[in-house]
N, C-alpha and C. Protein backbone atom coordinates (compact mmCIF):
# COMPACT_ATOMS: atom_id res chain seq x y z
N VAL A 1 0.17 -7.55 -7.25
CA VAL A 1 -0.77 -6.86 -6.37
C VAL A 1 -0.66 -5.36 -6.59
N GLN A 2 -1.81 -4.72 -6.81
CA GLN A 2 -1.83 -3.27 -7.00
C GLN A 2 -2.96 -2.63 -6.22
N PHE A 3 -2.65 -1.44 -5.69
CA PHE A 3 -3.66 -0.59 -5.07
C PHE A 3 -3.60 0.77 -5.76
N VAL A 4 -4.72 1.23 -6.29
CA VAL A 4 -4.76 2.51 -6.99
C VAL A 4 -5.80 3.40 -6.34
N GLU A 5 -5.30 4.41 -5.61
CA GLU A 5 -6.19 5.32 -4.89
C GLU A 5 -6.54 6.52 -5.75
N SER A 6 -7.75 7.05 -5.55
CA SER A 6 -8.18 8.24 -6.28
C SER A 6 -9.24 8.98 -5.47
N GLY A 7 -9.55 10.20 -5.91
CA GLY A 7 -10.62 10.96 -5.28
C GLY A 7 -10.15 12.10 -4.39
N GLY A 8 -8.85 12.20 -4.16
CA GLY A 8 -8.35 13.29 -3.34
C GLY A 8 -8.50 14.63 -4.04
N ALA A 9 -8.57 15.69 -3.23
CA ALA A 9 -8.76 17.03 -3.79
C ALA A 9 -8.51 18.07 -2.70
N LEU A 10 -8.57 19.32 -3.12
CA LEU A 10 -8.57 20.45 -2.19
C LEU A 10 -10.02 20.74 -1.82
N VAL A 11 -10.30 20.78 -0.53
CA VAL A 11 -11.67 20.98 -0.08
C VAL A 11 -11.66 21.91 1.12
N GLN A 12 -12.72 22.66 1.28
CA GLN A 12 -12.81 23.58 2.41
C GLN A 12 -13.19 22.82 3.70
N PRO A 13 -12.81 23.35 4.84
CA PRO A 13 -13.24 22.74 6.11
C PRO A 13 -14.75 22.58 6.13
N GLY A 14 -15.19 21.42 6.65
CA GLY A 14 -16.61 21.11 6.66
C GLY A 14 -17.10 20.39 5.42
N GLY A 15 -16.26 20.30 4.41
CA GLY A 15 -16.64 19.65 3.17
C GLY A 15 -16.53 18.14 3.23
N SER A 16 -16.83 17.51 2.10
CA SER A 16 -16.83 16.05 2.01
C SER A 16 -16.05 15.59 0.78
N LEU A 17 -15.50 14.41 0.89
CA LEU A 17 -14.85 13.74 -0.23
C LEU A 17 -15.12 12.25 -0.13
N ARG A 18 -15.09 11.58 -1.27
CA ARG A 18 -15.16 10.12 -1.30
C ARG A 18 -13.93 9.58 -2.02
N LEU A 19 -13.11 8.88 -1.27
CA LEU A 19 -11.92 8.26 -1.86
C LEU A 19 -12.27 6.85 -2.33
N SER A 20 -11.61 6.45 -3.41
CA SER A 20 -11.76 5.10 -3.93
C SER A 20 -10.40 4.44 -4.03
N CYS A 21 -10.39 3.13 -3.87
CA CYS A 21 -9.16 2.35 -4.05
C CYS A 21 -9.51 1.11 -4.84
N THR A 22 -9.03 1.08 -6.06
CA THR A 22 -9.25 -0.07 -6.92
C THR A 22 -8.05 -1.00 -6.81
N THR A 23 -8.33 -2.29 -6.66
CA THR A 23 -7.25 -3.25 -6.42
C THR A 23 -7.22 -4.32 -7.50
N SER A 24 -6.09 -5.00 -7.60
CA SER A 24 -5.94 -6.11 -8.52
C SER A 24 -4.82 -7.02 -8.05
N GLY A 25 -4.83 -8.24 -8.57
CA GLY A 25 -3.74 -9.17 -8.28
C GLY A 25 -3.96 -10.09 -7.12
N PHE A 26 -5.13 -10.03 -6.50
CA PHE A 26 -5.43 -10.94 -5.40
C PHE A 26 -6.95 -11.11 -5.31
N THR A 27 -7.38 -12.10 -4.53
CA THR A 27 -8.82 -12.36 -4.38
C THR A 27 -9.38 -11.40 -3.35
N PHE A 28 -9.88 -10.29 -3.86
CA PHE A 28 -10.30 -9.15 -3.04
C PHE A 28 -11.25 -9.56 -1.91
N SER A 29 -12.22 -10.39 -2.22
CA SER A 29 -13.27 -10.70 -1.26
C SER A 29 -12.78 -11.51 -0.06
N MET A 30 -11.57 -12.00 -0.11
CA MET A 30 -11.05 -12.83 0.98
C MET A 30 -10.31 -12.04 2.05
N TYR A 31 -10.08 -10.74 1.82
CA TYR A 31 -9.21 -9.99 2.70
C TYR A 31 -9.85 -8.73 3.28
N GLY A 32 -9.49 -8.45 4.53
CA GLY A 32 -9.81 -7.16 5.09
C GLY A 32 -8.95 -6.08 4.45
N LEU A 33 -9.50 -4.90 4.37
CA LEU A 33 -8.80 -3.77 3.77
C LEU A 33 -8.71 -2.62 4.78
N THR A 34 -7.69 -1.82 4.63
CA THR A 34 -7.51 -0.69 5.53
C THR A 34 -7.15 0.57 4.74
N TRP A 35 -7.55 1.70 5.29
CA TRP A 35 -7.13 3.01 4.80
C TRP A 35 -6.15 3.59 5.81
N TRP A 36 -5.09 4.19 5.30
CA TRP A 36 -4.07 4.85 6.10
C TRP A 36 -3.88 6.26 5.56
N ARG A 37 -3.23 7.10 6.35
CA ARG A 37 -2.89 8.43 5.86
C ARG A 37 -1.55 8.87 6.42
N GLN A 38 -0.88 9.70 5.66
CA GLN A 38 0.39 10.26 6.10
C GLN A 38 0.38 11.76 5.89
N ALA A 39 0.40 12.47 7.00
CA ALA A 39 0.44 13.93 6.96
C ALA A 39 1.89 14.39 6.84
N PRO A 40 2.10 15.59 6.35
CA PRO A 40 3.47 16.11 6.21
C PRO A 40 4.24 16.05 7.52
N GLY A 41 5.42 15.44 7.49
CA GLY A 41 6.26 15.37 8.68
C GLY A 41 5.84 14.35 9.70
N LYS A 42 4.85 13.53 9.39
CA LYS A 42 4.36 12.55 10.35
C LYS A 42 4.44 11.14 9.77
N GLU A 43 4.36 10.15 10.64
CA GLU A 43 4.34 8.77 10.19
C GLU A 43 2.96 8.40 9.65
N ARG A 44 2.97 7.37 8.82
CA ARG A 44 1.71 6.87 8.29
C ARG A 44 0.87 6.32 9.44
N ALA A 45 -0.44 6.61 9.44
CA ALA A 45 -1.32 6.22 10.53
C ALA A 45 -2.57 5.54 9.99
N LEU A 46 -3.05 4.56 10.75
CA LEU A 46 -4.26 3.84 10.36
C LEU A 46 -5.49 4.71 10.56
N VAL A 47 -6.35 4.74 9.56
CA VAL A 47 -7.57 5.55 9.61
C VAL A 47 -8.80 4.68 9.83
N ALA A 48 -8.92 3.61 9.04
CA ALA A 48 -10.12 2.77 9.11
C ALA A 48 -9.82 1.40 8.53
N GLY A 49 -10.61 0.42 8.96
CA GLY A 49 -10.47 -0.94 8.44
C GLY A 49 -11.82 -1.57 8.26
N ILE A 50 -11.88 -2.53 7.34
CA ILE A 50 -13.13 -3.23 7.07
C ILE A 50 -12.82 -4.70 6.83
N SER A 51 -13.65 -5.58 7.37
CA SER A 51 -13.43 -7.01 7.22
C SER A 51 -13.75 -7.46 5.80
N SER A 52 -13.41 -8.70 5.51
CA SER A 52 -13.59 -9.21 4.15
C SER A 52 -15.05 -9.16 3.70
N SER A 53 -15.97 -9.41 4.59
CA SER A 53 -17.39 -9.39 4.23
C SER A 53 -17.99 -8.00 4.33
N GLY A 54 -17.28 -7.10 4.98
CA GLY A 54 -17.81 -5.75 5.22
C GLY A 54 -18.60 -5.63 6.51
N GLY A 55 -18.73 -6.74 7.22
CA GLY A 55 -19.57 -6.71 8.42
C GLY A 55 -18.94 -6.08 9.64
N VAL A 56 -17.63 -5.98 9.65
CA VAL A 56 -16.92 -5.37 10.77
C VAL A 56 -16.11 -4.19 10.26
N ARG A 57 -16.29 -3.05 10.90
CA ARG A 57 -15.55 -1.84 10.52
C ARG A 57 -15.00 -1.20 11.78
N ASN A 58 -13.84 -0.63 11.68
CA ASN A 58 -13.29 0.10 12.82
C ASN A 58 -12.59 1.36 12.33
N TYR A 59 -12.47 2.31 13.25
CA TYR A 59 -11.99 3.64 12.89
C TYR A 59 -11.04 4.19 13.95
N ALA A 60 -10.13 5.02 13.50
CA ALA A 60 -9.32 5.80 14.44
C ALA A 60 -10.23 6.77 15.18
N ASP A 61 -9.90 7.05 16.42
CA ASP A 61 -10.74 7.95 17.21
C ASP A 61 -10.91 9.31 16.54
N SER A 62 -9.89 9.75 15.85
CA SER A 62 -9.90 11.08 15.25
C SER A 62 -10.90 11.22 14.11
N VAL A 63 -11.37 10.09 13.56
CA VAL A 63 -12.29 10.18 12.41
C VAL A 63 -13.65 9.55 12.70
N LYS A 64 -13.83 8.97 13.87
CA LYS A 64 -15.11 8.32 14.20
C LYS A 64 -16.25 9.32 14.09
N GLY A 65 -17.32 8.87 13.45
CA GLY A 65 -18.49 9.72 13.28
C GLY A 65 -18.41 10.63 12.07
N ARG A 66 -17.23 10.71 11.44
CA ARG A 66 -17.08 11.56 10.26
C ARG A 66 -16.74 10.76 9.00
N PHE A 67 -15.99 9.68 9.16
CA PHE A 67 -15.56 8.87 8.02
C PHE A 67 -16.31 7.53 8.03
N THR A 68 -16.56 7.01 6.83
CA THR A 68 -17.18 5.70 6.69
C THR A 68 -16.43 4.89 5.64
N ILE A 69 -15.98 3.70 6.04
CA ILE A 69 -15.32 2.80 5.10
C ILE A 69 -16.36 1.81 4.57
N SER A 70 -16.25 1.49 3.29
CA SER A 70 -17.15 0.51 2.68
C SER A 70 -16.39 -0.21 1.57
N ARG A 71 -16.98 -1.27 1.06
CA ARG A 71 -16.33 -2.03 0.00
C ARG A 71 -17.34 -2.59 -0.97
N ASP A 72 -16.89 -2.83 -2.19
CA ASP A 72 -17.69 -3.42 -3.25
C ASP A 72 -16.91 -4.64 -3.74
N ASN A 73 -17.25 -5.79 -3.24
CA ASN A 73 -16.50 -7.01 -3.59
C ASN A 73 -16.67 -7.40 -5.06
N ALA A 74 -17.74 -6.95 -5.68
CA ALA A 74 -17.94 -7.26 -7.10
C ALA A 74 -16.98 -6.48 -8.00
N ASN A 75 -16.54 -5.33 -7.50
CA ASN A 75 -15.68 -4.46 -8.31
C ASN A 75 -14.30 -4.25 -7.70
N ASN A 76 -13.97 -5.06 -6.70
CA ASN A 76 -12.62 -5.02 -6.10
C ASN A 76 -12.22 -3.63 -5.66
N THR A 77 -13.16 -2.91 -5.06
CA THR A 77 -12.92 -1.52 -4.69
C THR A 77 -13.31 -1.27 -3.24
N VAL A 78 -12.50 -0.49 -2.56
CA VAL A 78 -12.82 -0.06 -1.20
C VAL A 78 -12.92 1.46 -1.22
N TYR A 79 -13.83 1.99 -0.41
CA TYR A 79 -14.12 3.42 -0.40
C TYR A 79 -13.89 4.00 1.00
N LEU A 80 -13.68 5.31 1.01
CA LEU A 80 -13.65 6.04 2.27
C LEU A 80 -14.43 7.33 2.07
N GLN A 81 -15.62 7.36 2.66
CA GLN A 81 -16.44 8.57 2.64
C GLN A 81 -16.01 9.45 3.79
N MET A 82 -15.62 10.67 3.50
CA MET A 82 -15.11 11.59 4.51
C MET A 82 -16.01 12.81 4.57
N ASN A 83 -16.63 13.02 5.70
CA ASN A 83 -17.52 14.17 5.89
C ASN A 83 -16.96 15.08 6.97
N ASN A 84 -17.45 16.31 6.99
CA ASN A 84 -17.03 17.29 7.98
C ASN A 84 -15.50 17.33 8.10
N LEU A 85 -14.86 17.49 6.97
CA LEU A 85 -13.41 17.46 6.95
C LEU A 85 -12.80 18.63 7.70
N LYS A 86 -11.66 18.37 8.32
CA LYS A 86 -10.95 19.36 9.12
C LYS A 86 -9.54 19.55 8.55
N PRO A 87 -8.91 20.67 8.82
CA PRO A 87 -7.54 20.87 8.31
C PRO A 87 -6.59 19.75 8.74
N GLU A 88 -6.80 19.18 9.90
CA GLU A 88 -5.91 18.11 10.37
C GLU A 88 -6.12 16.79 9.62
N ASP A 89 -7.11 16.73 8.74
CA ASP A 89 -7.28 15.56 7.88
C ASP A 89 -6.38 15.65 6.63
N THR A 90 -5.72 16.76 6.44
CA THR A 90 -4.81 16.92 5.31
C THR A 90 -3.71 15.87 5.35
N ALA A 91 -3.60 15.09 4.27
CA ALA A 91 -2.65 14.00 4.23
C ALA A 91 -2.73 13.32 2.86
N VAL A 92 -1.78 12.44 2.62
CA VAL A 92 -1.89 11.51 1.50
C VAL A 92 -2.53 10.24 2.05
N TYR A 93 -3.56 9.76 1.37
CA TYR A 93 -4.33 8.61 1.83
C TYR A 93 -4.01 7.39 0.97
N TYR A 94 -3.85 6.26 1.66
CA TYR A 94 -3.49 5.00 1.02
C TYR A 94 -4.43 3.89 1.47
N CYS A 95 -4.63 2.90 0.61
CA CYS A 95 -5.31 1.70 1.04
C CYS A 95 -4.36 0.51 0.89
N THR A 96 -4.61 -0.54 1.65
CA THR A 96 -3.77 -1.72 1.58
C THR A 96 -4.43 -2.86 2.33
N VAL A 97 -3.85 -4.04 2.22
CA VAL A 97 -4.12 -5.15 3.11
C VAL A 97 -3.03 -5.10 4.18
N THR A 98 -3.43 -4.91 5.41
CA THR A 98 -2.47 -4.73 6.49
C THR A 98 -1.53 -5.93 6.58
N GLY A 99 -0.25 -5.61 6.65
CA GLY A 99 0.77 -6.65 6.81
C GLY A 99 1.44 -7.07 5.53
N TRP A 100 0.90 -6.64 4.40
CA TRP A 100 1.50 -7.03 3.12
C TRP A 100 2.67 -6.13 2.73
N GLY A 101 2.71 -4.93 3.25
CA GLY A 101 3.77 -4.01 2.86
C GLY A 101 3.66 -3.51 1.44
N LYS A 102 2.49 -3.58 0.89
CA LYS A 102 2.25 -3.10 -0.47
C LYS A 102 1.46 -1.81 -0.42
N TRP A 103 1.95 -0.79 -1.12
CA TRP A 103 1.30 0.51 -1.11
C TRP A 103 1.16 1.04 -2.52
N GLY A 104 0.09 1.77 -2.75
CA GLY A 104 -0.08 2.47 -4.02
C GLY A 104 0.57 3.83 -3.95
N GLN A 105 0.20 4.68 -4.90
CA GLN A 105 0.79 6.01 -4.95
C GLN A 105 0.10 6.97 -4.00
N GLY A 106 -1.06 6.59 -3.52
CA GLY A 106 -1.81 7.44 -2.60
C GLY A 106 -2.59 8.52 -3.34
N THR A 107 -3.48 9.17 -2.61
CA THR A 107 -4.23 10.29 -3.16
C THR A 107 -4.21 11.42 -2.14
N GLN A 108 -3.94 12.63 -2.62
CA GLN A 108 -3.71 13.78 -1.74
C GLN A 108 -5.04 14.44 -1.37
N VAL A 109 -5.23 14.63 -0.09
CA VAL A 109 -6.37 15.38 0.43
C VAL A 109 -5.83 16.61 1.14
N ILE A 110 -6.32 17.78 0.74
CA ILE A 110 -5.94 19.03 1.38
C ILE A 110 -7.21 19.73 1.85
N VAL A 111 -7.27 19.99 3.13
CA VAL A 111 -8.43 20.66 3.71
C VAL A 111 -7.99 22.05 4.14
N SER A 112 -8.46 23.04 3.41
CA SER A 112 -8.01 24.40 3.66
C SER A 112 -9.02 25.39 3.11
N SER A 113 -9.12 26.53 3.78
CA SER A 113 -9.98 27.60 3.28
C SER A 113 -9.17 28.57 2.43
């Protein structure tokens, strides 16, 4: 099982980024996926989740209305569209299947002017 995150960058407040997570080693379409983030000095926190079909999505209160999770079951990829980014969104972002304890290397997002 592998999760490979990409798309992180340095961006100014108010900017946008689209993170991608390409997966392998399991039947992607059968599982819900989640995005997490870990800010410096803080514990990893859940950001968003999406059901196996994509029909159910949920978000942390801190990102509601700004972030959108989506998935492409044909390409085993989950996305996180992040708009109106704030400095407090600075973190390393990870995707996973919750409960598996499997993590990729993450992708760094820095929101700063």
